[in-house]
Amino acid sequence: MRNYSIYTLKTKLEFTNLYQYLSEKDYKQLEQQILCHSYHTPICTWNGIVINGIEAYELFRKHSIPFRIKRLHFSSKEDVISWICTDQLKREDLTNINKKYLIGKKYDAEKIIVSRQLSSTNKSHISGASIAAKKYPKNVM
């Protein structure tokens, strides 16, 4: 198994709270795929922290099955939060409550990202909130 190993990674509550966990049925199906070695999606990490595939990671560790990781590079935790939210918002099974929560968390993260970018380009007269707000429709709630 090329590039497969049993990695010891960290999880961060700030990131795992952004995930809507699988239903019991889907979790058992994922576990079955992992046990049959038919699950090949790498676990995405940032600085050794799991940022995508948390349930798969837990199952790989539980059963001591080697897996692959994909190291992603971000400038900050806000970039990671924005990426996780974008990824989770693509889910068809996402509840309305979780959708609203993710939109809010993504907005907050992007506000910080834009503010940081503006301060580095010396455009402090424009707020990160005003730029981030333009990305979001007013009727999402």
N, C-alpha and C. Protein backbone atom coordinates (compact mmCIF):
# COMPACT_ATOMS: atom_id res chain seq x y z
N MET A 1 0.85 -1.18 0.00
CA MET A 1 0.00 0.00 0.00
C MET A 1 0.90 1.24 0.00
N ARG A 2 1.04 1.86 -1.13
CA ARG A 2 1.92 3.01 -1.29
C ARG A 2 1.38 4.23 -0.55
N ASN A 3 2.23 4.89 0.23
CA ASN A 3 1.90 6.11 0.97
C ASN A 3 0.84 5.92 2.05
N TYR A 4 0.55 4.70 2.40
CA TYR A 4 -0.40 4.44 3.46
C TYR A 4 0.38 4.20 4.75
N SER A 5 -0.10 4.78 5.82
CA SER A 5 0.55 4.62 7.11
C SER A 5 -0.49 4.86 8.20
N ILE A 6 -0.14 4.55 9.41
CA ILE A 6 -1.02 4.88 10.53
C ILE A 6 -0.44 6.14 11.16
N TYR A 7 -1.01 7.26 10.78
CA TYR A 7 -0.53 8.56 11.25
C TYR A 7 -1.20 8.90 12.58
N THR A 8 -0.47 9.63 13.40
CA THR A 8 -1.05 10.18 14.62
C THR A 8 -1.25 11.66 14.37
N LEU A 9 -2.49 12.04 14.22
CA LEU A 9 -2.85 13.42 13.92
C LEU A 9 -3.59 14.02 15.10
N LYS A 10 -3.76 15.32 15.05
CA LYS A 10 -4.52 16.02 16.09
C LYS A 10 -5.88 16.41 15.52
N THR A 11 -6.81 16.63 16.40
CA THR A 11 -8.08 17.23 16.02
C THR A 11 -8.22 18.50 16.85
N LYS A 12 -8.96 19.43 16.33
CA LYS A 12 -9.15 20.70 17.02
C LYS A 12 -10.65 20.96 17.09
N LEU A 13 -11.16 21.14 18.29
CA LEU A 13 -12.59 21.33 18.50
C LEU A 13 -13.15 22.46 17.65
N GLU A 14 -12.38 23.51 17.48
CA GLU A 14 -12.81 24.65 16.67
C GLU A 14 -13.11 24.22 15.23
N PHE A 15 -12.41 23.20 14.74
CA PHE A 15 -12.65 22.69 13.39
C PHE A 15 -13.71 21.59 13.39
N THR A 16 -13.63 20.66 14.34
CA THR A 16 -14.59 19.54 14.34
C THR A 16 -16.01 20.03 14.61
N ASN A 17 -16.16 21.15 15.30
CA ASN A 17 -17.50 21.70 15.53
C ASN A 17 -18.17 22.17 14.25
N LEU A 18 -17.40 22.30 13.18
CA LEU A 18 -17.95 22.75 11.90
C LEU A 18 -18.54 21.60 11.09
N TYR A 19 -18.36 20.38 11.55
CA TYR A 19 -18.83 19.22 10.80
C TYR A 19 -20.19 18.74 11.27
N GLN A 20 -21.01 18.40 10.31
CA GLN A 20 -22.24 17.68 10.63
C GLN A 20 -21.87 16.21 10.50
N TYR A 21 -21.94 15.51 11.60
CA TYR A 21 -21.52 14.12 11.59
C TYR A 21 -22.49 13.26 10.80
N LEU A 22 -21.99 12.13 10.33
CA LEU A 22 -22.78 11.21 9.52
C LEU A 22 -23.91 10.61 10.33
N SER A 23 -24.95 10.20 9.64
CA SER A 23 -26.02 9.45 10.29
C SER A 23 -25.44 8.10 10.71
N GLU A 24 -26.12 7.41 11.60
CA GLU A 24 -25.63 6.10 12.06
C GLU A 24 -25.48 5.14 10.89
N LYS A 25 -26.43 5.17 9.98
CA LYS A 25 -26.39 4.29 8.80
C LYS A 25 -25.17 4.60 7.93
N ASP A 26 -24.94 5.88 7.65
CA ASP A 26 -23.80 6.28 6.83
C ASP A 26 -22.48 6.01 7.53
N TYR A 27 -22.46 6.17 8.85
CA TYR A 27 -21.25 5.89 9.63
C TYR A 27 -20.89 4.41 9.52
N LYS A 28 -21.89 3.54 9.65
CA LYS A 28 -21.65 2.09 9.54
C LYS A 28 -21.20 1.72 8.13
N GLN A 29 -21.75 2.40 7.15
CA GLN A 29 -21.35 2.15 5.76
C GLN A 29 -19.89 2.58 5.56
N LEU A 30 -19.50 3.71 6.10
CA LEU A 30 -18.12 4.18 6.03
C LEU A 30 -17.19 3.18 6.72
N GLU A 31 -17.60 2.72 7.89
CA GLU A 31 -16.79 1.75 8.62
C GLU A 31 -16.60 0.48 7.80
N GLN A 32 -17.65 0.03 7.15
CA GLN A 32 -17.57 -1.18 6.32
C GLN A 32 -16.59 -0.97 5.16
N GLN A 33 -16.66 0.20 4.52
CA GLN A 33 -15.73 0.51 3.43
C GLN A 33 -14.28 0.49 3.92
N ILE A 34 -14.06 1.04 5.09
CA ILE A 34 -12.71 1.08 5.65
C ILE A 34 -12.23 -0.32 5.99
N LEU A 35 -13.08 -1.12 6.58
CA LEU A 35 -12.71 -2.50 6.94
C LEU A 35 -12.43 -3.35 5.71
N CYS A 36 -13.12 -3.06 4.61
CA CYS A 36 -12.92 -3.81 3.36
C CYS A 36 -11.81 -3.21 2.51
N HIS A 37 -11.16 -2.19 3.03
CA HIS A 37 -10.09 -1.48 2.31
C HIS A 37 -10.57 -0.92 0.97
N SER A 38 -11.83 -0.49 0.94
CA SER A 38 -12.36 0.10 -0.29
C SER A 38 -12.57 1.61 -0.15
N TYR A 39 -12.06 2.19 0.92
CA TYR A 39 -12.13 3.64 1.12
C TYR A 39 -10.73 4.20 0.88
N HIS A 40 -10.59 5.02 -0.14
CA HIS A 40 -9.26 5.49 -0.53
C HIS A 40 -9.09 7.00 -0.46
N THR A 41 -10.08 7.71 0.03
CA THR A 41 -9.99 9.17 0.12
C THR A 41 -9.00 9.54 1.22
N PRO A 42 -8.01 10.36 0.90
CA PRO A 42 -7.04 10.74 1.95
C PRO A 42 -7.68 11.65 3.00
N ILE A 43 -7.13 11.59 4.19
CA ILE A 43 -7.54 12.47 5.28
C ILE A 43 -6.82 13.80 5.06
N CYS A 44 -7.56 14.90 4.98
CA CYS A 44 -6.96 16.22 4.75
C CYS A 44 -6.49 16.81 6.07
N THR A 45 -5.27 17.34 6.05
CA THR A 45 -4.69 17.91 7.26
C THR A 45 -4.11 19.30 6.98
N TRP A 46 -3.99 20.05 8.04
CA TRP A 46 -3.29 21.34 8.04
C TRP A 46 -2.45 21.38 9.30
N ASN A 47 -1.16 21.49 9.16
CA ASN A 47 -0.24 21.51 10.30
C ASN A 47 -0.46 20.33 11.26
N GLY A 48 -0.74 19.15 10.70
CA GLY A 48 -0.92 17.96 11.52
C GLY A 48 -2.28 17.84 12.18
N ILE A 49 -3.21 18.71 11.80
CA ILE A 49 -4.57 18.70 12.36
C ILE A 49 -5.53 18.22 11.28
N VAL A 50 -6.42 17.30 11.63
CA VAL A 50 -7.42 16.80 10.68
C VAL A 50 -8.41 17.91 10.38
N ILE A 51 -8.59 18.22 9.09
CA ILE A 51 -9.56 19.25 8.71
C ILE A 51 -10.64 18.71 7.78
N ASN A 52 -10.51 17.47 7.35
CA ASN A 52 -11.55 16.83 6.55
C ASN A 52 -11.35 15.32 6.66
N GLY A 53 -12.45 14.62 6.91
CA GLY A 53 -12.38 13.17 7.05
C GLY A 53 -12.22 12.73 8.50
N ILE A 54 -12.77 13.52 9.42
CA ILE A 54 -12.61 13.25 10.85
C ILE A 54 -13.16 11.88 11.24
N GLU A 55 -14.33 11.53 10.70
CA GLU A 55 -14.92 10.23 11.07
C GLU A 55 -14.13 9.08 10.48
N ALA A 56 -13.66 9.25 9.25
CA ALA A 56 -12.82 8.22 8.64
C ALA A 56 -11.53 8.06 9.44
N TYR A 57 -10.93 9.19 9.84
CA TYR A 57 -9.71 9.14 10.64
C TYR A 57 -9.94 8.36 11.93
N GLU A 58 -11.04 8.64 12.61
CA GLU A 58 -11.34 7.94 13.87
C GLU A 58 -11.49 6.44 13.63
N LEU A 59 -12.13 6.07 12.52
CA LEU A 59 -12.31 4.65 12.21
C LEU A 59 -11.00 3.97 11.83
N PHE A 60 -10.18 4.64 11.05
CA PHE A 60 -8.86 4.08 10.71
C PHE A 60 -8.07 3.81 11.98
N ARG A 61 -8.07 4.76 12.90
CA ARG A 61 -7.33 4.60 14.15
C ARG A 61 -7.94 3.49 15.01
N LYS A 62 -9.25 3.45 15.09
CA LYS A 62 -9.94 2.43 15.90
C LYS A 62 -9.56 1.03 15.46
N HIS A 63 -9.45 0.84 14.14
CA HIS A 63 -9.18 -0.49 13.59
C HIS A 63 -7.71 -0.69 13.19
N SER A 64 -6.85 0.28 13.52
CA SER A 64 -5.42 0.22 13.20
C SER A 64 -5.17 -0.10 11.72
N ILE A 65 -5.87 0.62 10.86
CA ILE A 65 -5.75 0.44 9.42
C ILE A 65 -4.96 1.63 8.85
N PRO A 66 -3.93 1.35 8.07
CA PRO A 66 -3.16 2.44 7.45
C PRO A 66 -4.03 3.27 6.49
N PHE A 67 -3.70 4.54 6.37
CA PHE A 67 -4.47 5.44 5.51
C PHE A 67 -3.53 6.48 4.93
N ARG A 68 -4.03 7.22 3.96
CA ARG A 68 -3.25 8.29 3.35
C ARG A 68 -3.70 9.63 3.91
N ILE A 69 -2.79 10.59 3.87
CA ILE A 69 -3.16 11.96 4.22
C ILE A 69 -2.84 12.88 3.05
N LYS A 70 -3.53 13.99 3.02
CA LYS A 70 -3.27 15.04 2.04
C LYS A 70 -3.02 16.31 2.85
N ARG A 71 -1.81 16.82 2.77
CA ARG A 71 -1.45 18.03 3.52
C ARG A 71 -1.87 19.26 2.72
N LEU A 72 -2.72 20.07 3.32
CA LEU A 72 -3.16 21.30 2.67
C LEU A 72 -2.45 22.48 3.33
N HIS A 73 -2.26 23.52 2.57
CA HIS A 73 -1.52 24.68 3.06
C HIS A 73 -2.43 25.90 3.10
N PHE A 74 -2.51 26.50 4.26
CA PHE A 74 -3.31 27.70 4.48
C PHE A 74 -2.47 28.70 5.26
N SER A 75 -2.81 29.97 5.12
CA SER A 75 -2.08 31.03 5.82
C SER A 75 -2.48 31.15 7.29
N SER A 76 -3.72 30.78 7.60
CA SER A 76 -4.21 31.00 8.96
C SER A 76 -5.36 30.05 9.26
N LYS A 77 -5.73 30.00 10.55
CA LYS A 77 -6.86 29.16 10.94
C LYS A 77 -8.16 29.68 10.33
N GLU A 78 -8.26 30.98 10.08
CA GLU A 78 -9.47 31.53 9.44
C GLU A 78 -9.61 31.02 8.01
N ASP A 79 -8.48 30.86 7.32
CA ASP A 79 -8.51 30.28 5.98
C ASP A 79 -9.00 28.83 6.03
N VAL A 80 -8.56 28.11 7.05
CA VAL A 80 -8.99 26.72 7.24
C VAL A 80 -10.49 26.68 7.52
N ILE A 81 -10.96 27.53 8.40
CA ILE A 81 -12.39 27.57 8.74
C ILE A 81 -13.22 27.88 7.51
N SER A 82 -12.80 28.84 6.72
CA SER A 82 -13.52 29.18 5.49
C SER A 82 -13.56 27.98 4.55
N TRP A 83 -12.43 27.27 4.41
CA TRP A 83 -12.36 26.11 3.53
C TRP A 83 -13.28 24.99 4.02
N ILE A 84 -13.26 24.71 5.33
CA ILE A 84 -14.12 23.67 5.89
C ILE A 84 -15.59 24.02 5.66
N CYS A 85 -15.95 25.27 5.94
CA CYS A 85 -17.34 25.70 5.76
C CYS A 85 -17.77 25.55 4.30
N THR A 86 -16.92 25.98 3.37
CA THR A 86 -17.24 25.84 1.95
C THR A 86 -17.45 24.38 1.59
N ASP A 87 -16.59 23.52 2.09
CA ASP A 87 -16.70 22.09 1.81
C ASP A 87 -17.98 21.51 2.41
N GLN A 88 -18.27 21.84 3.65
CA GLN A 88 -19.46 21.31 4.31
C GLN A 88 -20.76 21.84 3.69
N LEU A 89 -20.74 23.07 3.21
CA LEU A 89 -21.94 23.65 2.60
C LEU A 89 -22.32 22.96 1.29
N LYS A 90 -21.45 22.14 0.74
CA LYS A 90 -21.75 21.37 -0.47
C LYS A 90 -22.56 20.11 -0.18
N ARG A 91 -22.66 19.74 1.08
CA ARG A 91 -23.34 18.50 1.45
C ARG A 91 -24.84 18.59 1.22
N GLU A 92 -25.38 17.56 0.61
CA GLU A 92 -26.82 17.52 0.35
C GLU A 92 -27.62 17.22 1.61
N ASP A 93 -27.01 16.54 2.58
CA ASP A 93 -27.73 16.16 3.80
C ASP A 93 -27.59 17.19 4.92
N LEU A 94 -27.05 18.35 4.61
CA LEU A 94 -26.83 19.38 5.62
C LEU A 94 -28.17 19.92 6.13
N THR A 95 -28.32 19.98 7.45
CA THR A 95 -29.56 20.52 8.02
C THR A 95 -29.57 22.04 7.86
N ASN A 96 -30.75 22.63 7.90
CA ASN A 96 -30.86 24.09 7.80
C ASN A 96 -30.13 24.80 8.93
N ILE A 97 -30.21 24.24 10.12
CA ILE A 97 -29.53 24.85 11.27
C ILE A 97 -28.02 24.85 11.05
N ASN A 98 -27.48 23.71 10.61
CA ASN A 98 -26.04 23.64 10.35
C ASN A 98 -25.64 24.53 9.18
N LYS A 99 -26.50 24.63 8.18
CA LYS A 99 -26.21 25.50 7.03
C LYS A 99 -26.06 26.95 7.50
N LYS A 100 -27.01 27.41 8.31
CA LYS A 100 -26.95 28.78 8.82
C LYS A 100 -25.71 29.00 9.69
N TYR A 101 -25.41 28.02 10.52
CA TYR A 101 -24.24 28.10 11.39
C TYR A 101 -22.96 28.23 10.55
N LEU A 102 -22.84 27.39 9.52
CA LEU A 102 -21.65 27.42 8.66
C LEU A 102 -21.53 28.73 7.89
N ILE A 103 -22.65 29.24 7.41
CA ILE A 103 -22.63 30.52 6.70
C ILE A 103 -22.11 31.62 7.63
N GLY A 104 -22.57 31.61 8.87
CA GLY A 104 -22.12 32.60 9.86
C GLY A 104 -20.64 32.45 10.18
N LYS A 105 -20.18 31.22 10.36
CA LYS A 105 -18.77 30.98 10.67
C LYS A 105 -17.88 31.36 9.49
N LYS A 106 -18.34 31.06 8.27
CA LYS A 106 -17.58 31.42 7.07
C LYS A 106 -17.50 32.94 6.95
N TYR A 107 -18.61 33.60 7.20
CA TYR A 107 -18.64 35.07 7.15
C TYR A 107 -17.65 35.66 8.15
N ASP A 108 -17.68 35.16 9.39
CA ASP A 108 -16.77 35.66 10.42
C ASP A 108 -15.31 35.45 10.03
N ALA A 109 -15.00 34.27 9.49
CA ALA A 109 -13.63 33.96 9.09
C ALA A 109 -13.18 34.86 7.94
N GLU A 110 -14.06 35.03 6.96
CA GLU A 110 -13.70 35.85 5.80
C GLU A 110 -13.56 37.33 6.16
N LYS A 111 -14.32 37.76 7.14
CA LYS A 111 -14.20 39.14 7.63
C LYS A 111 -12.78 39.37 8.17
N ILE A 112 -12.28 38.42 8.92
CA ILE A 112 -10.92 38.52 9.47
C ILE A 112 -9.88 38.43 8.36
N ILE A 113 -10.09 37.51 7.42
CA ILE A 113 -9.15 37.36 6.30
C ILE A 113 -9.06 38.65 5.50
N VAL A 114 -10.21 39.21 5.16
CA VAL A 114 -10.23 40.44 4.35
C VAL A 114 -9.62 41.60 5.13
N SER A 115 -9.93 41.71 6.42
CA SER A 115 -9.34 42.78 7.24
C SER A 115 -7.83 42.68 7.27
N ARG A 116 -7.32 41.46 7.39
CA ARG A 116 -5.88 41.24 7.40
C ARG A 116 -5.27 41.64 6.06
N GLN A 117 -5.94 41.27 4.97
CA GLN A 117 -5.45 41.62 3.64
C GLN A 117 -5.47 43.14 3.43
N LEU A 118 -6.54 43.78 3.90
CA LEU A 118 -6.64 45.23 3.75
C LEU A 118 -5.56 45.95 4.56
N SER A 119 -5.31 45.47 5.77
CA SER A 119 -4.30 46.14 6.59
C SER A 119 -2.90 45.96 6.00
N SER A 120 -2.68 44.85 5.31
CA SER A 120 -1.36 44.65 4.70
C SER A 120 -1.19 45.47 3.42
N THR A 121 -2.32 45.89 2.82
CA THR A 121 -2.24 46.74 1.62
C THR A 121 -2.54 48.19 1.94
N ASN A 122 -2.71 48.49 3.24
CA ASN A 122 -2.94 49.86 3.72
C ASN A 122 -4.25 50.47 3.21
N LYS A 123 -5.30 49.65 3.11
CA LYS A 123 -6.62 50.16 2.73
C LYS A 123 -7.54 50.07 3.94
N SER A 124 -7.09 50.61 5.04
CA SER A 124 -7.82 50.47 6.30
C SER A 124 -9.13 51.23 6.33
N HIS A 125 -9.40 52.09 5.35
CA HIS A 125 -10.66 52.83 5.33
C HIS A 125 -11.83 51.94 4.88
N ILE A 126 -11.53 50.76 4.35
CA ILE A 126 -12.57 49.81 3.94
C ILE A 126 -12.60 48.72 5.00
N SER A 127 -13.78 48.33 5.44
CA SER A 127 -13.84 47.30 6.48
C SER A 127 -13.96 45.91 5.86
N GLY A 128 -13.37 44.94 6.55
CA GLY A 128 -13.49 43.55 6.12
C GLY A 128 -14.93 43.09 6.15
N ALA A 129 -15.69 43.60 7.11
CA ALA A 129 -17.10 43.22 7.22
C ALA A 129 -17.89 43.67 6.01
N SER A 130 -17.63 44.88 5.52
CA SER A 130 -18.40 45.37 4.37
C SER A 130 -18.09 44.58 3.11
N ILE A 131 -16.85 44.17 2.95
CA ILE A 131 -16.50 43.36 1.78
C ILE A 131 -17.06 41.95 1.92
N ALA A 132 -16.90 41.35 3.09
CA ALA A 132 -17.42 39.99 3.30
C ALA A 132 -18.93 39.96 3.17
N ALA A 133 -19.61 41.00 3.62
CA ALA A 133 -21.08 41.04 3.56
C ALA A 133 -21.59 41.01 2.13
N LYS A 134 -20.83 41.55 1.20
CA LYS A 134 -21.26 41.56 -0.20
C LYS A 134 -21.33 40.17 -0.80
N LYS A 135 -20.65 39.19 -0.19
CA LYS A 135 -20.63 37.82 -0.70
C LYS A 135 -21.88 37.04 -0.30
N TYR A 136 -22.61 37.53 0.67
CA TYR A 136 -23.70 36.75 1.25
C TYR A 136 -25.04 37.40 0.99
N PRO A 137 -26.02 36.60 0.51
CA PRO A 137 -27.36 37.15 0.32
C PRO A 137 -27.98 37.50 1.66
N LYS A 138 -28.81 38.51 1.67
CA LYS A 138 -29.42 38.97 2.92
C LYS A 138 -30.51 38.03 3.43
N ASN A 139 -31.03 37.16 2.60
CA ASN A 139 -32.16 36.32 2.99
C ASN A 139 -31.78 34.87 3.30
N VAL A 140 -30.56 34.61 3.77
CA VAL A 140 -30.18 33.24 4.08
C VAL A 140 -30.78 32.74 5.38
N MET A 141 -31.17 33.59 6.24
CA MET A 141 -31.74 33.17 7.52
C MET A 141 -33.20 32.98 7.33
